[in-house]
Structures are given as C-alpha cells and as structure tokens.
Amino acid sequence: MGEALCAAGWDVLRTVDCLPEGTADPVHFEQAARMGRVLVTNDRRMTLIAHAWLAEGRAFYGMITWPQAHYTRARAGAFVRAFEALAEQDDPFGSFPIVYLALGD
C-alpha cells in the first residue's frame, strides 16, 4: 500500500523509516502525533490507543484505519482511491480524528 500511495504522489513516512523495528505501538502513535502526521493502520491496538488518547483529552491530527480482513483482499488502487476521496473533503478529521475506511476492490 505504501508504494502505491507514494506513486500517487502522497507524502508517506513509514514507521520503520523513523523508529526501530519492534518499537511498541504507543511509541509509534506518540511519534505520529508529535510529528503532526496522520497515522495509517489496520492494527486494532492502534485504534484502542487512539480512543484512549481521546478519553484522556489528548489531541492528535488524525488516524485512518480499516478492518484487517480488508487489507488482505483489497487492491492497492482501492487504498489510493479511498485516500483521494478523503483528500477531496474540506476537513476529513474535523468532526472526529479517526476515519474508518470501507474498502472494495
């Protein structure tokens, strides 16, 4: 998915490019928040971390997530189209910082 987003002109920073492999999820989340980046994940634990941050009143720019089952069946183009649809919105994270994608082929 990362390669397809890069090829489509998206600014993508993979976590493995800025943190060592095996870094704990809360550290990844904190890094994305500190950098003002949108976290893109299908890891259920990251969604739990995001909701915990919201419950604690902690802000972060945004998170895009989807069911892990969709990742194995969706093609890269579906991710790119979903991201481009979000980019067309004035403020996709304005009402809630977590966006749940429903991906098709």
Protein backbone atom coordinates (compact mmCIF):
# COMPACT_ATOMS: atom_id res chain seq x y z
CA MET A 1 0.00 0.00 0.00
CA GLY A 2 2.81 2.44 0.87
CA GLU A 3 4.36 2.13 -2.58
CA ALA A 4 1.02 2.76 -4.28
CA LEU A 5 0.41 5.89 -2.18
CA CYS A 6 3.94 7.16 -2.95
CA ALA A 7 3.42 6.50 -6.66
CA ALA A 8 0.21 8.54 -6.47
CA GLY A 9 2.13 11.49 -5.01
CA TRP A 10 1.31 11.06 -1.32
CA ASP A 11 3.82 12.05 1.36
CA VAL A 12 4.35 8.72 3.11
CA LEU A 13 6.66 8.12 6.06
CA ARG A 14 6.74 4.51 7.17
CA THR A 15 7.25 3.85 10.85
CA VAL A 16 10.19 1.56 10.09
CA ASP A 17 11.91 4.58 8.49
CA CYS A 18 11.85 6.64 11.69
CA LEU A 19 11.67 4.10 14.54
CA PRO A 20 13.40 0.74 15.04
CA GLU A 21 11.51 -2.41 14.13
CA GLY A 22 9.78 -3.83 17.19
CA THR A 23 9.06 -0.41 18.72
CA ALA A 24 5.95 -0.54 20.92
CA ASP A 25 2.67 0.71 19.43
CA PRO A 26 2.22 3.57 21.93
CA VAL A 27 5.62 4.95 20.87
CA HIS A 28 4.59 4.80 17.19
CA PHE A 29 1.36 6.62 17.99
CA GLU A 30 3.17 9.26 20.05
CA GLN A 31 5.69 9.83 17.23
CA ALA A 32 2.94 10.34 14.64
CA ALA A 33 1.13 12.76 16.97
CA ARG A 34 4.34 14.67 17.74
CA MET A 35 5.12 14.98 14.02
CA GLY A 36 1.57 16.11 13.18
CA ARG A 37 1.18 13.18 10.82
CA VAL A 38 -1.90 11.10 10.07
CA LEU A 39 -1.37 7.57 11.34
CA VAL A 40 -2.48 4.93 8.86
CA THR A 41 -3.01 1.48 10.30
CA ASN A 42 -5.19 -1.58 10.35
CA ASP A 43 -3.86 -2.61 13.75
CA ARG A 44 -6.73 -2.84 16.24
CA ARG A 45 -4.34 -1.97 19.09
CA MET A 46 -3.63 1.42 17.48
CA THR A 47 -7.35 2.13 17.37
CA LEU A 48 -7.55 1.36 21.09
CA ILE A 49 -4.63 3.73 21.73
CA ALA A 50 -6.36 6.46 19.71
CA HIS A 51 -9.57 6.09 21.71
CA ALA A 52 -7.60 6.12 24.98
CA TRP A 53 -5.93 9.38 23.90
CA LEU A 54 -9.34 10.89 23.15
CA ALA A 55 -10.71 9.75 26.52
CA GLU A 56 -7.70 11.42 28.20
CA GLY A 57 -8.29 14.65 26.26
CA ARG A 58 -5.06 14.28 24.29
CA ALA A 59 -5.08 15.62 20.74
CA PHE A 60 -3.66 14.08 17.57
CA TYR A 61 -4.09 15.12 13.96
CA GLY A 62 -5.81 12.03 12.65
CA MET A 63 -5.84 8.31 12.08
CA ILE A 64 -7.09 6.29 9.12
CA THR A 65 -7.94 2.67 9.80
CA TRP A 66 -9.83 -0.26 8.30
CA PRO A 67 -10.59 -3.88 9.22
CA GLN A 68 -7.52 -6.06 8.78
CA ALA A 69 -9.55 -8.51 6.65
CA HIS A 70 -9.91 -5.75 4.03
CA TYR A 71 -6.14 -5.39 3.79
CA THR A 72 -5.69 -8.93 2.53
CA ARG A 73 -8.41 -8.68 -0.12
CA ALA A 74 -8.30 -5.04 -1.22
CA ARG A 75 -6.03 -3.98 -4.05
CA ALA A 76 -3.61 -1.08 -3.71
CA GLY A 77 -5.80 1.00 -6.02
CA ALA A 78 -8.67 0.78 -3.53
CA PHE A 79 -6.47 2.37 -0.86
CA VAL A 80 -5.35 5.13 -3.21
CA ARG A 81 -8.95 5.88 -4.24
CA ALA A 82 -10.06 5.94 -0.59
CA PHE A 83 -7.24 8.34 0.33
CA GLU A 84 -8.00 10.58 -2.64
CA ALA A 85 -11.68 10.70 -1.65
CA LEU A 86 -10.62 11.83 1.84
CA ALA A 87 -8.32 14.46 0.36
CA GLU A 88 -11.24 15.94 -1.58
CA GLN A 89 -13.06 16.66 1.69
CA ASP A 90 -12.55 20.08 3.27
CA ASP A 91 -11.61 18.65 6.66
CA PRO A 92 -11.86 14.85 6.87
CA PHE A 93 -10.78 14.84 10.54
CA GLY A 94 -12.79 17.91 11.60
CA SER A 95 -15.61 16.18 13.41
CA PHE A 96 -13.66 13.15 14.64
CA PRO A 97 -9.94 12.37 14.27
CA ILE A 98 -10.44 8.70 13.39
CA VAL A 99 -11.60 7.79 9.90
CA TYR A 100 -12.74 4.23 9.24
CA LEU A 101 -12.37 3.08 5.64
CA ALA A 102 -14.61 0.56 3.94
CA LEU A 103 -12.56 -0.82 1.07
CA GLY A 104 -13.75 -2.59 -2.00
CA ASP A 105 -11.76 -3.83 -4.94
